[in-house]
Amino acid sequence: MALILSIETSTMVCSVALHKDGELLADQVHQVEKSHSSLLPGIALDVCKEIGVNFNDLDAVAVSSGPGSYTGLRIGVSNAKGICYTLKKSLIAIPSLEIMTEAVRGKFLGDHLLCPMMDARRMEVYTQMEDQEGKKIWDLQPVILEEDTFGEFEKSVYLFGDGMPKFREIARQDNLIFIEDVFPEAKNMGRLAQEKFENEDFEDVAYFEPNYLKEWRTTTPKKQLL
């Protein structure tokens, strides 16, 4: 029996969910840009209160581990680590693209590939690929999109995520299927978190850091250049 709080903040969408043995009990989703830091603590408390539990009742906290927004990931991981450190709970990390894939896994018939795409600016995306059996075809990687990026595949390729629309504009293959409105969401972390919990696949609370995939770069505000 595992009660797990899941936190997802890798995009502009901030979501929290509570699962028991992988089954969804409650969740909240907020699509308000640049508000993760102010929203997240209250959302987590509200989700637990909805079911009549508190943080002490949790067995673990799962958090999206990236890639994604540097600020969003940092806020999500900081909150998750704070709960785990204070209450001595286990920390579980789940890659953002795995969370997206979980949202569509098992929904399509026939021989196909699932390919989440997270926007990495310009014509680049973070992506990976698996077949309908869950076998990895591409490991997590940044990819610069061209019209023949998926030319090596003949079977249907389902593409989704916030990096997908810009590829749809240049794609020329008939076997590509574009799925709207799929993003990393905490409610889809339940089975993945439960599996890691059962395997005792936990992170070191003190030293865990998100996988930004690219080095974070800072810039100087224009007013300071004057």
Protein backbone atom coordinates (compact mmCIF):
# COMPACT_ATOMS: atom_id res chain seq x y z
CA MET A 1 0.00 0.00 0.00
CA ALA A 2 1.58 3.27 -1.12
CA LEU A 3 0.20 6.79 -0.88
CA ILE A 4 2.20 8.99 -3.25
CA LEU A 5 1.97 12.73 -3.92
CA SER A 6 3.01 13.62 -7.49
CA ILE A 7 4.26 17.06 -8.55
CA GLU A 8 4.69 18.14 -12.18
CA THR A 9 6.10 21.57 -13.08
CA SER A 10 8.25 21.03 -16.18
CA THR A 11 6.12 23.34 -18.37
CA MET A 12 3.90 26.38 -17.79
CA VAL A 13 1.28 23.92 -16.48
CA CYS A 14 1.51 23.26 -12.74
CA SER A 15 -0.20 20.09 -11.52
CA VAL A 16 -0.36 17.95 -8.38
CA ALA A 17 -2.00 14.55 -7.89
CA LEU A 18 -2.46 12.02 -5.12
CA HIS A 19 -2.37 8.30 -5.93
CA LYS A 20 -2.87 5.22 -3.79
CA ASP A 21 -1.30 2.06 -5.20
CA GLY A 22 -1.19 3.78 -8.59
CA GLU A 23 -4.88 4.73 -8.60
CA LEU A 24 -5.77 8.42 -8.86
CA LEU A 25 -7.51 9.84 -5.79
CA ALA A 26 -7.40 13.59 -6.52
CA ASP A 27 -5.60 16.13 -8.68
CA GLN A 28 -5.44 19.80 -9.61
CA VAL A 29 -4.13 21.44 -12.77
CA HIS A 30 -3.31 25.15 -13.16
CA GLN A 31 -2.27 26.70 -16.46
CA VAL A 32 -1.01 30.05 -15.23
CA GLU A 33 2.40 31.08 -16.55
CA LYS A 34 5.18 31.97 -14.09
CA SER A 35 3.15 31.20 -10.96
CA HIS A 36 4.49 27.80 -9.89
CA SER A 37 6.29 29.11 -6.82
CA SER A 38 3.17 30.78 -5.38
CA LEU A 39 0.66 28.10 -6.40
CA LEU A 40 2.43 24.83 -5.70
CA PRO A 41 2.45 24.65 -1.88
CA GLY A 42 -1.25 25.50 -1.66
CA ILE A 43 -2.22 23.07 -4.42
CA ALA A 44 -0.37 20.22 -2.72
CA LEU A 45 -2.13 20.92 0.58
CA ASP A 46 -5.54 21.20 -1.11
CA VAL A 47 -5.16 17.88 -2.94
CA CYS A 48 -4.33 16.10 0.31
CA LYS A 49 -7.15 17.81 2.22
CA GLU A 50 -9.63 16.74 -0.46
CA ILE A 51 -8.98 13.11 0.49
CA GLY A 52 -8.62 13.81 4.20
CA VAL A 53 -4.91 13.08 4.52
CA ASN A 54 -1.85 15.18 5.33
CA PHE A 55 1.79 15.10 4.31
CA ASN A 56 2.64 12.82 7.26
CA ASP A 57 0.43 10.12 5.73
CA LEU A 58 2.44 10.02 2.51
CA ASP A 59 4.79 7.16 1.71
CA ALA A 60 6.65 9.08 -1.01
CA VAL A 61 6.68 12.18 -3.20
CA ALA A 62 7.16 11.84 -6.96
CA VAL A 63 8.40 14.76 -9.03
CA SER A 64 9.04 15.34 -12.72
CA SER A 65 12.79 15.23 -13.27
CA GLY A 66 13.04 17.00 -16.63
CA PRO A 67 13.81 18.06 -19.18
CA GLY A 68 11.71 21.21 -19.26
CA SER A 69 11.58 24.72 -17.89
CA TYR A 70 14.61 25.43 -15.71
CA THR A 71 12.61 27.53 -13.27
CA GLY A 72 9.61 25.21 -13.23
CA LEU A 73 11.72 22.12 -12.57
CA ARG A 74 13.70 23.87 -9.86
CA ILE A 75 10.51 24.91 -8.06
CA GLY A 76 8.92 21.47 -8.30
CA VAL A 77 12.01 19.63 -7.13
CA SER A 78 12.63 22.10 -4.30
CA ASN A 79 9.11 21.59 -2.97
CA ALA A 80 9.30 17.81 -3.29
CA LYS A 81 12.68 17.67 -1.56
CA GLY A 82 11.42 19.95 1.20
CA ILE A 83 8.55 17.60 2.02
CA CYS A 84 10.75 14.52 1.84
CA TYR A 85 13.56 15.97 3.91
CA THR A 86 11.33 17.40 6.62
CA LEU A 87 9.10 14.33 7.01
CA LYS A 88 11.66 11.66 6.03
CA LYS A 89 9.69 10.48 3.00
CA SER A 90 11.09 8.77 -0.11
CA LEU A 91 11.72 10.85 -3.24
CA ILE A 92 10.85 9.44 -6.68
CA ALA A 93 11.92 11.09 -9.95
CA ILE A 94 10.06 10.54 -13.22
CA PRO A 95 11.23 11.97 -16.58
CA SER A 96 8.87 14.54 -18.08
CA LEU A 97 8.64 12.80 -21.45
CA GLU A 98 7.72 9.51 -19.76
CA ILE A 99 4.82 11.33 -18.09
CA MET A 100 3.62 12.61 -21.47
CA THR A 101 3.88 9.18 -23.04
CA GLU A 102 1.93 7.65 -20.17
CA ALA A 103 -1.00 9.91 -21.09
CA VAL A 104 -1.42 8.23 -24.49
CA ARG A 105 0.03 4.75 -23.90
CA GLY A 106 -2.44 2.00 -24.80
CA LYS A 107 -4.86 4.32 -26.60
CA PHE A 108 -3.96 3.41 -30.20
CA LEU A 109 -4.36 0.16 -32.11
CA GLY A 110 -1.93 -1.50 -34.49
CA ASP A 111 1.82 -1.34 -34.89
CA HIS A 112 2.93 2.19 -33.99
CA LEU A 113 5.48 4.43 -32.32
CA LEU A 114 4.95 7.02 -29.58
CA CYS A 115 7.05 10.18 -29.72
CA PRO A 116 6.68 12.98 -27.14
CA MET A 117 8.17 16.34 -28.09
CA MET A 118 9.06 19.10 -25.67
CA ASP A 119 9.87 22.50 -27.14
CA ALA A 120 13.55 23.44 -26.84
CA ARG A 121 13.27 26.70 -28.84
CA ARG A 122 13.87 27.38 -32.51
CA MET A 123 13.50 24.11 -34.46
CA GLU A 124 14.82 21.91 -31.67
CA VAL A 125 12.89 19.60 -29.36
CA TYR A 126 13.66 17.19 -26.54
CA THR A 127 12.29 13.85 -27.58
CA GLN A 128 12.41 10.08 -27.24
CA MET A 129 10.51 7.23 -28.86
CA GLU A 130 9.07 3.86 -27.93
CA ASP A 131 6.95 1.26 -29.70
CA GLN A 132 3.53 -0.01 -28.63
CA GLU A 133 5.23 -2.61 -26.39
CA GLY A 134 7.17 0.07 -24.52
CA LYS A 135 10.51 -0.80 -26.13
CA LYS A 136 12.76 2.25 -26.49
CA ILE A 137 13.54 3.18 -30.10
CA TRP A 138 15.17 6.54 -29.30
CA ASP A 139 16.62 7.44 -25.93
CA LEU A 140 16.02 10.92 -24.53
CA GLN A 141 17.86 13.45 -26.71
CA PRO A 142 17.67 16.92 -28.27
CA VAL A 143 16.72 16.77 -31.97
CA ILE A 144 16.82 19.54 -34.58
CA LEU A 145 13.66 19.09 -36.65
CA GLU A 146 13.75 18.76 -40.43
CA GLU A 147 10.99 17.68 -42.78
CA ASP A 148 12.44 14.15 -43.04
CA THR A 149 13.32 13.68 -39.34
CA PHE A 150 11.18 10.53 -39.19
CA GLY A 151 11.93 9.32 -42.71
CA GLU A 152 13.42 6.05 -41.47
CA PHE A 153 10.08 4.84 -40.08
CA GLU A 154 7.24 3.30 -42.08
CA LYS A 155 4.81 2.48 -39.29
CA SER A 156 2.51 5.11 -37.78
CA VAL A 157 4.27 7.64 -35.55
CA TYR A 158 2.13 9.47 -32.99
CA LEU A 159 3.63 12.87 -32.13
CA PHE A 160 2.52 14.99 -29.18
CA GLY A 161 3.67 17.68 -26.77
CA ASP A 162 4.33 21.42 -27.01
CA GLY A 163 7.18 20.86 -29.48
CA MET A 164 4.91 19.06 -31.94
CA PRO A 165 3.11 22.02 -33.63
CA LYS A 166 6.27 23.51 -35.17
CA PHE A 167 7.17 20.15 -36.67
CA ARG A 168 3.69 19.71 -38.11
CA GLU A 169 4.29 22.85 -40.18
CA ILE A 170 7.22 21.30 -42.06
CA ALA A 171 6.42 17.55 -41.95
CA ARG A 172 5.78 15.81 -45.27
CA GLN A 173 5.21 12.15 -44.32
CA ASP A 174 1.83 10.43 -44.47
CA ASN A 175 2.51 8.11 -41.53
CA LEU A 176 2.78 10.93 -38.97
CA ILE A 177 -0.20 11.48 -36.67
CA PHE A 178 -0.33 14.66 -34.57
CA ILE A 179 -2.07 14.54 -31.19
CA GLU A 180 -3.20 17.80 -29.57
CA ASP A 181 -3.35 18.82 -25.93
CA VAL A 182 -0.88 16.36 -24.43
CA PHE A 183 1.46 17.75 -21.78
CA PRO A 184 3.18 16.40 -18.66
CA GLU A 185 0.54 16.13 -15.95
CA ALA A 186 0.73 14.80 -12.40
CA LYS A 187 -2.33 12.57 -12.76
CA ASN A 188 -0.39 10.45 -15.26
CA MET A 189 2.49 9.80 -12.84
CA GLY A 190 0.66 7.26 -10.66
CA ARG A 191 1.60 3.95 -12.32
CA LEU A 192 5.16 5.08 -12.97
CA ALA A 193 5.64 6.25 -9.39
CA GLN A 194 4.10 3.09 -7.96
CA GLU A 195 6.43 0.93 -10.03
CA LYS A 196 9.47 2.81 -8.77
CA PHE A 197 8.18 2.64 -5.20
CA GLU A 198 7.80 -1.13 -5.38
CA ASN A 199 11.33 -1.43 -6.80
CA GLU A 200 12.65 0.96 -4.12
CA ASP A 201 14.02 3.15 -6.90
CA PHE A 202 14.45 6.28 -4.82
CA GLU A 203 16.58 9.41 -5.18
CA ASP A 204 19.01 10.88 -2.70
CA VAL A 205 17.00 13.76 -1.22
CA ALA A 206 20.09 15.83 -0.45
CA TYR A 207 21.81 15.56 -3.82
CA PHE A 208 19.12 14.98 -6.45
CA GLU A 209 18.98 17.56 -9.25
CA PRO A 210 16.66 17.77 -12.30
CA ASN A 211 17.87 16.73 -15.74
CA TYR A 212 17.85 20.02 -17.64
CA LEU A 213 19.49 18.22 -20.61
CA LYS A 214 21.15 21.50 -21.62
CA GLU A 215 23.35 23.76 -19.56
CA TRP A 216 21.39 26.66 -18.08
CA ARG A 217 22.43 30.00 -19.52
CA THR A 218 21.87 33.36 -17.88
CA THR A 219 21.66 36.70 -19.64
CA THR A 220 22.13 40.27 -18.47
CA PRO A 221 18.93 42.37 -18.41
CA LYS A 222 18.96 45.10 -21.07
CA LYS A 223 18.62 47.90 -18.50
CA GLN A 224 21.92 46.79 -16.94
CA LEU A 225 23.67 47.05 -20.29
CA LEU A 226 22.91 50.76 -20.61
